[in-house]
Amino acid sequence: MIDSLGDVGAKLTEADPGALNQLCGELGVGLLYEPKGRTVIATVSPRVASACVRGGT
């Protein structure tokens, strides 16, 4: 399955920065670059959609 995605790194490099920003926002992905350690900290905050049904049947 992963191989079917192709070269993801190249696709991200070629992508429009505005579109990537929008995609990350919609997916709940946050990236923080730490220049001192040359690392990126990634966080994910997925949206949860749930519904409760109250009462008996």
PDB file of N, CA and C in Angstrom:
ATOM      1  N   MET A   1       0.819  -1.190   0.000  1.00  0.00           N
ATOM      2  CA  MET A   1       0.000   0.000   0.000  1.00  0.00           C
ATOM      3  C   MET A   1       0.862   1.253   0.000  1.00  0.00           C
ATOM      4  N   ILE A   2       1.897   1.271   0.821  1.00  0.00           N
ATOM      5  CA  ILE A   2       2.769   2.445   0.893  1.00  0.00           C
ATOM      6  C   ILE A   2       3.442   2.698  -0.443  1.00  0.00           C
ATOM      7  N   ASP A   3       3.884   1.656  -1.117  1.00  0.00           N
ATOM      8  CA  ASP A   3       4.534   1.823  -2.417  1.00  0.00           C
ATOM      9  C   ASP A   3       3.604   2.454  -3.441  1.00  0.00           C
ATOM     10  N   SER A   4       2.307   2.217  -3.306  1.00  0.00           N
ATOM     11  CA  SER A   4       1.356   2.773  -4.268  1.00  0.00           C
ATOM     12  C   SER A   4       1.237   4.291  -4.148  1.00  0.00           C
ATOM     13  N   LEU A   5       1.708   4.858  -3.037  1.00  0.00           N
ATOM     14  CA  LEU A   5       1.659   6.314  -2.869  1.00  0.00           C
ATOM     15  C   LEU A   5       2.719   7.024  -3.689  1.00  0.00           C
ATOM     16  N   GLY A   6       3.739   6.315  -4.122  1.00  0.00           N
ATOM     17  CA  GLY A   6       4.802   6.923  -4.910  1.00  0.00           C
ATOM     18  C   GLY A   6       5.751   7.710  -4.029  1.00  0.00           C
ATOM     19  N   ASP A   7       6.421   8.684  -4.623  1.00  0.00           N
ATOM     20  CA  ASP A   7       7.412   9.495  -3.910  1.00  0.00           C
ATOM     21  C   ASP A   7       6.703  10.641  -3.191  1.00  0.00           C
ATOM     22  N   VAL A   8       6.279  10.388  -1.971  1.00  0.00           N
ATOM     23  CA  VAL A   8       5.519  11.372  -1.195  1.00  0.00           C
ATOM     24  C   VAL A   8       6.351  12.619  -0.931  1.00  0.00           C
ATOM     25  N   GLY A   9       7.641  12.433  -0.625  1.00  0.00           N
ATOM     26  CA  GLY A   9       8.522  13.570  -0.367  1.00  0.00           C
ATOM     27  C   GLY A   9       8.584  14.525  -1.549  1.00  0.00           C
ATOM     28  N   ALA A  10       8.702  13.994  -2.743  1.00  0.00           N
ATOM     29  CA  ALA A  10       8.748  14.837  -3.945  1.00  0.00           C
ATOM     30  C   ALA A  10       7.428  15.565  -4.149  1.00  0.00           C
ATOM     31  N   LYS A  11       6.328  14.872  -3.910  1.00  0.00           N
ATOM     32  CA  LYS A  11       5.015  15.505  -4.080  1.00  0.00           C
ATOM     33  C   LYS A  11       4.830  16.652  -3.088  1.00  0.00           C
ATOM     34  N   LEU A  12       5.280  16.467  -1.847  1.00  0.00           N
ATOM     35  CA  LEU A  12       5.168  17.536  -0.853  1.00  0.00           C
ATOM     36  C   LEU A  12       6.059  18.720  -1.204  1.00  0.00           C
ATOM     37  N   THR A  13       7.247  18.435  -1.743  1.00  0.00           N
ATOM     38  CA  THR A  13       8.161  19.502  -2.138  1.00  0.00           C
ATOM     39  C   THR A  13       7.578  20.336  -3.269  1.00  0.00           C
ATOM     40  N   GLU A  14       6.859  19.686  -4.176  1.00  0.00           N
ATOM     41  CA  GLU A  14       6.292  20.371  -5.343  1.00  0.00           C
ATOM     42  C   GLU A  14       4.944  21.025  -5.055  1.00  0.00           C
ATOM     43  N   ALA A  15       4.336  20.706  -3.919  1.00  0.00           N
ATOM     44  CA  ALA A  15       2.978  21.171  -3.624  1.00  0.00           C
ATOM     45  C   ALA A  15       2.932  22.667  -3.320  1.00  0.00           C
ATOM     46  N   ASP A  16       1.776  23.251  -3.561  1.00  0.00           N
ATOM     47  CA  ASP A  16       1.523  24.658  -3.264  1.00  0.00           C
ATOM     48  C   ASP A  16       1.493  24.846  -1.742  1.00  0.00           C
ATOM     49  N   PRO A  17       2.307  25.750  -1.181  1.00  0.00           N
ATOM     50  CA  PRO A  17       2.338  25.946   0.274  1.00  0.00           C
ATOM     51  C   PRO A  17       0.968  26.293   0.871  1.00  0.00           C
ATOM     52  N   GLY A  18       0.185  27.070   0.178  1.00  0.00           N
ATOM     53  CA  GLY A  18      -1.143  27.425   0.669  1.00  0.00           C
ATOM     54  C   GLY A  18      -2.049  26.206   0.759  1.00  0.00           C
ATOM     55  N   ALA A  19      -1.964  25.341  -0.242  1.00  0.00           N
ATOM     56  CA  ALA A  19      -2.779  24.127  -0.245  1.00  0.00           C
ATOM     57  C   ALA A  19      -2.327  23.182   0.872  1.00  0.00           C
ATOM     58  N   LEU A  20      -1.017  23.090   1.102  1.00  0.00           N
ATOM     59  CA  LEU A  20      -0.502  22.249   2.188  1.00  0.00           C
ATOM     60  C   LEU A  20      -0.956  22.775   3.547  1.00  0.00           C
ATOM     61  N   ASN A  21      -0.922  24.082   3.704  1.00  0.00           N
ATOM     62  CA  ASN A  21      -1.372  24.691   4.962  1.00  0.00           C
ATOM     63  C   ASN A  21      -2.845  24.387   5.215  1.00  0.00           C
ATOM     64  N   GLN A  22      -3.650  24.511   4.187  1.00  0.00           N
ATOM     65  CA  GLN A  22      -5.083  24.227   4.314  1.00  0.00           C
ATOM     66  C   GLN A  22      -5.302  22.750   4.645  1.00  0.00           C
ATOM     67  N   LEU A  23      -4.583  21.865   3.960  1.00  0.00           N
ATOM     68  CA  LEU A  23      -4.712  20.437   4.205  1.00  0.00           C
ATOM     69  C   LEU A  23      -4.336  20.088   5.640  1.00  0.00           C
ATOM     70  N   CYS A  24      -3.217  20.628   6.116  1.00  0.00           N
ATOM     71  CA  CYS A  24      -2.787  20.363   7.496  1.00  0.00           C
ATOM     72  C   CYS A  24      -3.831  20.854   8.494  1.00  0.00           C
ATOM     73  N   GLY A  25      -4.400  22.018   8.232  1.00  0.00           N
ATOM     74  CA  GLY A  25      -5.430  22.554   9.122  1.00  0.00           C
ATOM     75  C   GLY A  25      -6.666  21.680   9.150  1.00  0.00           C
ATOM     76  N   GLU A  26      -7.082  21.203   7.987  1.00  0.00           N
ATOM     77  CA  GLU A  26      -8.274  20.360   7.915  1.00  0.00           C
ATOM     78  C   GLU A  26      -8.042  18.994   8.563  1.00  0.00           C
ATOM     79  N   LEU A  27      -6.814  18.502   8.504  1.00  0.00           N
ATOM     80  CA  LEU A  27      -6.494  17.203   9.101  1.00  0.00           C
ATOM     81  C   LEU A  27      -6.155  17.314  10.585  1.00  0.00           C
ATOM     82  N   GLY A  28      -5.981  18.536  11.070  1.00  0.00           N
ATOM     83  CA  GLY A  28      -5.622  18.727  12.466  1.00  0.00           C
ATOM     84  C   GLY A  28      -4.152  18.444  12.736  1.00  0.00           C
ATOM     85  N   VAL A  29      -3.305  18.681  11.738  1.00  0.00           N
ATOM     86  CA  VAL A  29      -1.865  18.420  11.859  1.00  0.00           C
ATOM     87  C   VAL A  29      -1.154  19.730  12.178  1.00  0.00           C
ATOM     88  N   GLY A  30      -0.278  19.693  13.169  1.00  0.00           N
ATOM     89  CA  GLY A  30       0.534  20.855  13.508  1.00  0.00           C
ATOM     90  C   GLY A  30       2.006  20.494  13.422  1.00  0.00           C
ATOM     91  N   LEU A  31       2.815  21.387  12.895  1.00  0.00           N
ATOM     92  CA  LEU A  31       4.252  21.164  12.779  1.00  0.00           C
ATOM     93  C   LEU A  31       4.987  22.326  13.424  1.00  0.00           C
ATOM     94  N   LEU A  32       5.964  22.017  14.256  1.00  0.00           N
ATOM     95  CA  LEU A  32       6.768  23.029  14.923  1.00  0.00           C
ATOM     96  C   LEU A  32       8.235  22.714  14.671  1.00  0.00           C
ATOM     97  N   TYR A  33       8.952  23.645  14.028  1.00  0.00           N
ATOM     98  CA  TYR A  33      10.365  23.442  13.732  1.00  0.00           C
ATOM     99  C   TYR A  33      11.213  23.997  14.865  1.00  0.00           C
ATOM    100  N   GLU A  34      12.111  23.165  15.380  1.00  0.00           N
ATOM    101  CA  GLU A  34      13.058  23.554  16.420  1.00  0.00           C
ATOM    102  C   GLU A  34      14.440  23.674  15.776  1.00  0.00           C
ATOM    103  N   PRO A  35      14.862  24.909  15.422  1.00  0.00           N
ATOM    104  CA  PRO A  35      16.120  25.076  14.689  1.00  0.00           C
ATOM    105  C   PRO A  35      17.355  24.617  15.472  1.00  0.00           C
ATOM    106  N   LYS A  36      17.334  24.766  16.786  1.00  0.00           N
ATOM    107  CA  LYS A  36      18.512  24.385  17.582  1.00  0.00           C
ATOM    108  C   LYS A  36      18.833  22.901  17.398  1.00  0.00           C
ATOM    109  N   GLY A  37      17.836  22.070  17.479  1.00  0.00           N
ATOM    110  CA  GLY A  37      18.043  20.636  17.316  1.00  0.00           C
ATOM    111  C   GLY A  37      17.790  20.149  15.902  1.00  0.00           C
ATOM    112  N   ARG A  38      17.403  21.092  15.020  1.00  0.00           N
ATOM    113  CA  ARG A  38      17.063  20.761  13.628  1.00  0.00           C
ATOM    114  C   ARG A  38      16.056  19.619  13.577  1.00  0.00           C
ATOM    115  N   THR A  39      14.991  19.783  14.348  1.00  0.00           N
ATOM    116  CA  THR A  39      13.942  18.771  14.405  1.00  0.00           C
ATOM    117  C   THR A  39      12.577  19.400  14.158  1.00  0.00           C
ATOM    118  N   VAL A  40      11.649  18.576  13.782  1.00  0.00           N
ATOM    119  CA  VAL A  40      10.268  18.999  13.595  1.00  0.00           C
ATOM    120  C   VAL A  40       9.412  18.181  14.552  1.00  0.00           C
ATOM    121  N   ILE A  41       8.587  18.879  15.315  1.00  0.00           N
ATOM    122  CA  ILE A  41       7.665  18.224  16.224  1.00  0.00           C
ATOM    123  C   ILE A  41       6.294  18.258  15.564  1.00  0.00           C
ATOM    124  N   ALA A  42       5.731  17.073  15.358  1.00  0.00           N
ATOM    125  CA  ALA A  42       4.426  16.970  14.716  1.00  0.00           C
ATOM    126  C   ALA A  42       3.373  16.583  15.743  1.00  0.00           C
ATOM    127  N   THR A  43       2.224  17.253  15.657  1.00  0.00           N
ATOM    128  CA  THR A  43       1.088  16.912  16.513  1.00  0.00           C
ATOM    129  C   THR A  43      -0.138  16.689  15.636  1.00  0.00           C
ATOM    130  N   VAL A  44      -1.009  15.840  16.101  1.00  0.00           N
ATOM    131  CA  VAL A  44      -2.244  15.568  15.375  1.00  0.00           C
ATOM    132  C   VAL A  44      -3.404  15.682  16.349  1.00  0.00           C
ATOM    133  N   SER A  45      -4.402  16.439  15.965  1.00  0.00           N
ATOM    134  CA  SER A  45      -5.607  16.602  16.782  1.00  0.00           C
ATOM    135  C   SER A  45      -6.811  16.253  15.920  1.00  0.00           C
ATOM    136  N   PRO A  46      -7.082  14.958  15.785  1.00  0.00           N
ATOM    137  CA  PRO A  46      -8.197  14.562  14.921  1.00  0.00           C
ATOM    138  C   PRO A  46      -9.539  15.021  15.487  1.00  0.00           C
ATOM    139  N   ARG A  47     -10.423  15.358  14.599  1.00  0.00           N
ATOM    140  CA  ARG A  47     -11.777  15.720  15.004  1.00  0.00           C
ATOM    141  C   ARG A  47     -12.552  14.436  15.291  1.00  0.00           C
ATOM    142  N   VAL A  48     -13.348  14.476  16.310  1.00  0.00           N
ATOM    143  CA  VAL A  48     -14.159  13.313  16.668  1.00  0.00           C
ATOM    144  C   VAL A  48     -15.615  13.692  16.522  1.00  0.00           C
ATOM    145  N   ALA A  49     -16.280  12.958  15.694  1.00  0.00           N
ATOM    146  CA  ALA A  49     -17.716  13.185  15.511  1.00  0.00           C
ATOM    147  C   ALA A  49     -18.454  12.042  16.188  1.00  0.00           C
ATOM    148  N   SER A  50     -19.258  12.377  17.170  1.00  0.00           N
ATOM    149  CA  SER A  50     -20.005  11.340  17.851  1.00  0.00           C
ATOM    150  C   SER A  50     -21.413  11.849  18.157  1.00  0.00           C
ATOM    151  N   ALA A  51     -22.291  10.918  18.335  1.00  0.00           N
ATOM    152  CA  ALA A  51     -23.673  11.280  18.669  1.00  0.00           C
ATOM    153  C   ALA A  51     -24.181  10.300  19.712  1.00  0.00           C
ATOM    154  N   CYS A  52     -24.959  10.807  20.613  1.00  0.00           N
ATOM    155  CA  CYS A  52     -25.563   9.963  21.645  1.00  0.00           C
ATOM    156  C   CYS A  52     -27.070   9.915  21.420  1.00  0.00           C
ATOM    157  N   VAL A  53     -27.595   8.766  21.645  1.00  0.00           N
ATOM    158  CA  VAL A  53     -29.037   8.604  21.573  1.00  0.00           C
ATOM    159  C   VAL A  53     -29.495   8.416  23.005  1.00  0.00           C
ATOM    160  N   ARG A  54     -30.387   9.259  23.455  1.00  0.00           N
ATOM    161  CA  ARG A  54     -30.871   9.183  24.833  1.00  0.00           C
ATOM    162  C   ARG A  54     -32.269   8.559  24.861  1.00  0.00           C
ATOM    163  N   GLY A  55     -32.541   7.879  25.926  1.00  0.00           N
ATOM    164  CA  GLY A  55     -33.872   7.288  26.082  1.00  0.00           C
ATOM    165  C   GLY A  55     -33.901   5.830  25.656  1.00  0.00           C
ATOM    166  N   GLY A  56     -34.945   5.175  26.039  1.00  0.00           N
ATOM    167  CA  GLY A  56     -35.110   3.763  25.711  1.00  0.00           C
ATOM    168  C   GLY A  56     -35.795   3.575  24.386  1.00  0.00           C
ATOM    169  N   THR A  57     -35.785   2.351  23.958  1.00  0.00           N
ATOM    170  CA  THR A  57     -36.472   2.035  22.697  1.00  0.00           C
ATOM    171  C   THR A  57     -37.726   1.250  22.957  1.00  0.00           C
TER     172      THR A  57
END
